[in-house]
């Protein structure tokens, strides 16, 4: 049975919710998804397990929402008037240290999702699909400004390109993703594929 639950009325303050999400991410980094338990989250956060289940339904939803909460603002709110500047703004939202920590965490969760259908579903529904929708807004504005052709064949692969660079930097180069690397990648790969000038 899926762990992704229906929306519940929140009785937790935003500050308390942020505390819980921070604790969940700390535990994930310490023990990984498979070893993470609701008992451990309850103990770390001094919460009752019943409250956690009532609020989030299960581990998969809690983890996905913690990851979503950890994102630095809404992608769709970025609107500099230039697609290149929008991309560079998105890259600059996390410093290199945070980016490295989040890259490690995302790789570990991606691996766990392959053997945990509930986690895969929760990540898609609560993290990936909402962020894809927000990213589409950024791209659509570029189309409306005339920066991008609506029929550009590379349009549907923008997220694949960006996520691919972020996710594979460590595997290929044995280095963490950095702002400098991603800025260079955007100018050398993403924008030329879209037919957008880099200057």
Protein backbone atom coordinates (compact mmCIF):
# COMPACT_ATOMS: atom_id res chain seq x y z
CA UNK A 1 0.00 0.00 0.00
CA UNK A 2 1.35 3.45 -0.93
CA UNK A 3 2.67 5.67 1.81
CA UNK A 4 1.77 8.89 -0.03
CA UNK A 5 -1.22 10.15 1.88
CA UNK A 6 -3.94 12.69 1.36
CA UNK A 7 -3.57 16.26 2.57
CA UNK A 8 -4.12 16.60 6.30
CA UNK A 9 -5.02 19.58 8.44
CA UNK A 10 -1.77 20.83 9.98
CA UNK A 11 -1.59 21.32 13.72
CA UNK A 12 2.17 21.89 13.64
CA UNK A 13 3.58 25.42 13.51
CA UNK A 14 5.78 26.30 10.52
CA UNK A 15 8.76 26.63 12.88
CA UNK A 16 8.17 23.18 14.34
CA UNK A 17 7.66 21.73 10.88
CA UNK A 18 10.99 23.23 9.76
CA UNK A 19 12.67 21.69 12.82
CA UNK A 20 11.25 18.28 11.98
CA UNK A 21 12.37 18.49 8.36
CA UNK A 22 15.89 19.50 9.40
CA UNK A 23 16.06 16.52 11.77
CA UNK A 24 14.82 14.14 9.06
CA UNK A 25 17.53 15.31 6.64
CA UNK A 26 20.19 14.98 9.35
CA UNK A 27 19.07 11.42 10.04
CA UNK A 28 19.03 10.62 6.32
CA UNK A 29 22.62 11.76 6.00
CA UNK A 30 23.61 9.72 9.05
CA UNK A 31 21.88 6.40 8.35
CA UNK A 32 20.39 6.46 4.84
CA UNK A 33 16.79 5.97 3.77
CA UNK A 34 16.46 2.25 4.44
CA UNK A 35 17.70 2.52 8.03
CA UNK A 36 15.67 5.64 8.77
CA UNK A 37 12.67 4.82 10.94
CA UNK A 38 9.73 6.83 12.20
CA UNK A 39 10.81 5.76 15.71
CA UNK A 40 14.19 7.42 15.14
CA UNK A 41 12.54 10.59 13.81
CA UNK A 42 10.18 10.67 16.79
CA UNK A 43 13.08 10.28 19.22
CA UNK A 44 15.27 12.87 17.48
CA UNK A 45 12.46 15.43 17.32
CA UNK A 46 10.80 14.59 20.64
CA UNK A 47 7.55 13.89 18.80
CA UNK A 48 5.08 11.08 19.10
CA UNK A 49 5.15 8.55 16.31
CA UNK A 50 1.35 8.85 16.08
CA UNK A 51 1.70 12.57 15.34
CA UNK A 52 4.23 11.88 12.60
CA UNK A 53 1.99 9.30 10.94
CA UNK A 54 -1.08 11.49 11.30
CA UNK A 55 0.70 14.46 9.72
CA UNK A 56 2.72 12.72 7.00
CA UNK A 57 1.28 9.24 6.55
CA UNK A 58 4.64 7.51 6.48
CA UNK A 59 8.37 7.72 5.95
CA UNK A 60 8.29 8.25 2.18
CA UNK A 61 6.03 11.30 2.34
CA UNK A 62 7.95 12.76 5.28
CA UNK A 63 11.27 12.43 3.46
CA UNK A 64 9.94 13.88 0.20
CA UNK A 65 8.41 16.85 2.01
CA UNK A 66 11.63 17.41 3.96
CA UNK A 67 13.54 17.51 0.67
CA UNK A 68 11.02 19.92 -0.81
CA UNK A 69 11.19 22.16 2.26
CA UNK A 70 14.99 22.18 1.96
CA UNK A 71 14.81 23.83 -1.48
CA UNK A 72 15.80 27.52 -1.47
CA UNK A 73 12.53 29.10 -2.62
CA UNK A 74 10.30 28.53 -5.60
CA UNK A 75 11.90 27.98 -9.01
CA UNK A 76 8.89 29.57 -10.70
CA UNK A 77 9.45 32.88 -8.87
CA UNK A 78 12.79 33.45 -10.61
CA UNK A 79 12.17 36.03 -13.36
CA UNK A 80 15.16 38.19 -14.30
CA UNK A 81 13.92 38.92 -17.82
CA UNK A 82 16.60 36.68 -19.35
CA UNK A 83 16.70 32.88 -19.52
CA UNK A 84 20.47 32.81 -19.01
CA UNK A 85 20.20 35.02 -15.93
CA UNK A 86 17.28 32.92 -14.65
CA UNK A 87 19.43 29.78 -14.91
CA UNK A 88 22.43 31.48 -13.28
CA UNK A 89 20.20 32.79 -10.49
CA UNK A 90 18.90 29.29 -9.80
CA UNK A 91 22.47 27.95 -9.67
CA UNK A 92 23.56 30.68 -7.26
CA UNK A 93 20.85 29.93 -4.68
CA UNK A 94 23.02 27.34 -2.89
CA UNK A 95 26.67 27.75 -1.98
CA UNK A 96 29.12 25.04 -3.01
CA UNK A 97 29.12 23.34 0.40
CA UNK A 98 25.32 23.07 0.50
CA UNK A 99 25.27 21.90 -3.11
CA UNK A 100 27.72 19.11 -2.34
CA UNK A 101 25.72 17.93 0.68
CA UNK A 102 22.47 17.99 -1.28
CA UNK A 103 24.04 16.22 -4.25
CA UNK A 104 25.20 13.38 -1.99
CA UNK A 105 21.75 13.15 -0.44
CA UNK A 106 19.93 13.15 -3.79
CA UNK A 107 22.18 10.38 -5.14
CA UNK A 108 21.48 8.25 -2.06
CA UNK A 109 17.72 8.85 -2.32
CA UNK A 110 17.71 8.09 -6.05
CA UNK A 111 19.33 4.73 -5.32
CA UNK A 112 16.88 4.00 -2.49
CA UNK A 113 13.91 4.92 -4.70
CA UNK A 114 14.75 2.11 -7.12
CA UNK A 115 13.89 -0.48 -4.49
CA UNK A 116 11.22 1.50 -2.61
CA UNK A 117 8.13 2.19 -4.76
CA UNK A 118 6.57 4.35 -2.03
CA UNK A 119 9.62 6.59 -1.96
CA UNK A 120 9.72 6.80 -5.76
CA UNK A 121 6.05 7.78 -5.83
CA UNK A 122 6.43 10.34 -3.03
CA UNK A 123 9.50 11.94 -4.62
CA UNK A 124 7.73 12.20 -7.97
CA UNK A 125 4.45 13.56 -6.58
CA UNK A 126 5.80 15.87 -3.90
CA UNK A 127 9.17 16.98 -5.27
CA UNK A 128 9.84 16.24 -8.95
CA UNK A 129 6.46 17.05 -10.51
CA UNK A 130 5.90 20.33 -8.60
CA UNK A 131 9.43 21.49 -9.45
CA UNK A 132 8.98 20.51 -13.11
CA UNK A 133 5.82 22.62 -13.17
CA UNK A 134 7.67 25.59 -11.70
CA UNK A 135 10.56 25.15 -14.12
CA UNK A 136 8.10 25.07 -17.02
CA UNK A 137 6.97 28.56 -15.96
CA UNK A 138 10.53 29.87 -16.27
CA UNK A 139 10.90 28.30 -19.71
CA UNK A 140 7.45 29.48 -20.88
CA UNK A 141 8.32 33.06 -20.00
CA UNK A 142 11.46 32.75 -22.16
CA UNK A 143 9.30 31.49 -25.04
CA UNK A 144 6.88 34.40 -24.56
CA UNK A 145 9.79 36.88 -24.57
CA UNK A 146 10.98 35.40 -27.85
CA UNK A 147 14.24 34.05 -26.42
CA UNK A 148 13.27 30.45 -27.12
CA UNK A 149 11.47 28.93 -30.08
CA UNK A 150 8.40 27.05 -28.91
CA UNK A 151 9.32 24.21 -31.30
CA UNK A 152 12.97 23.96 -30.17
CA UNK A 153 13.71 20.21 -29.99
CA UNK A 154 15.90 20.63 -26.90
CA UNK A 155 13.10 22.21 -24.81
CA UNK A 156 11.88 18.95 -23.35
CA UNK A 157 15.42 18.01 -22.29
CA UNK A 158 16.43 21.12 -20.33
CA UNK A 159 15.81 19.57 -16.92
CA UNK A 160 17.54 16.35 -18.00
CA UNK A 161 20.60 18.37 -18.98
CA UNK A 162 20.71 20.37 -15.76
CA UNK A 163 20.01 17.47 -13.42
CA UNK A 164 22.42 15.28 -15.36
CA UNK A 165 25.27 17.73 -14.86
CA UNK A 166 24.50 18.08 -11.17
CA UNK A 167 24.11 14.35 -10.57
CA UNK A 168 27.04 13.02 -12.60
CA UNK A 169 29.80 15.50 -11.75
CA UNK A 170 31.03 13.34 -8.87
CA UNK A 171 30.79 10.11 -10.87
CA UNK A 172 32.65 11.42 -13.92
CA UNK A 173 35.10 13.94 -12.47
CA UNK A 174 35.27 12.75 -8.85
CA UNK A 175 34.43 16.31 -7.87
CA UNK A 176 31.30 17.80 -6.33
CA UNK A 177 29.04 20.06 -8.39
CA UNK A 178 29.89 23.72 -7.85
CA UNK A 179 28.41 27.03 -8.93
CA UNK A 180 31.36 27.62 -11.26
CA UNK A 181 30.97 24.20 -12.91
CA UNK A 182 27.22 24.61 -13.41
CA UNK A 183 27.56 28.17 -14.76
CA UNK A 184 30.14 26.94 -17.24
CA UNK A 185 27.93 23.99 -18.20
CA UNK A 186 24.92 26.25 -18.77
CA UNK A 187 26.93 28.48 -21.14
CA UNK A 188 28.74 25.64 -22.93
CA UNK A 189 25.94 23.08 -23.21
CA UNK A 190 22.43 24.12 -22.20
CA UNK A 191 22.09 27.53 -23.86
CA UNK A 192 23.73 26.48 -27.16
CA UNK A 193 21.40 23.46 -27.30
CA UNK A 194 18.47 25.86 -26.93
CA UNK A 195 19.83 28.34 -29.48
CA UNK A 196 20.17 31.06 -26.83
CA UNK A 197 23.20 33.40 -26.94
CA UNK A 198 25.46 33.28 -23.88
CA UNK A 199 26.27 37.00 -23.91
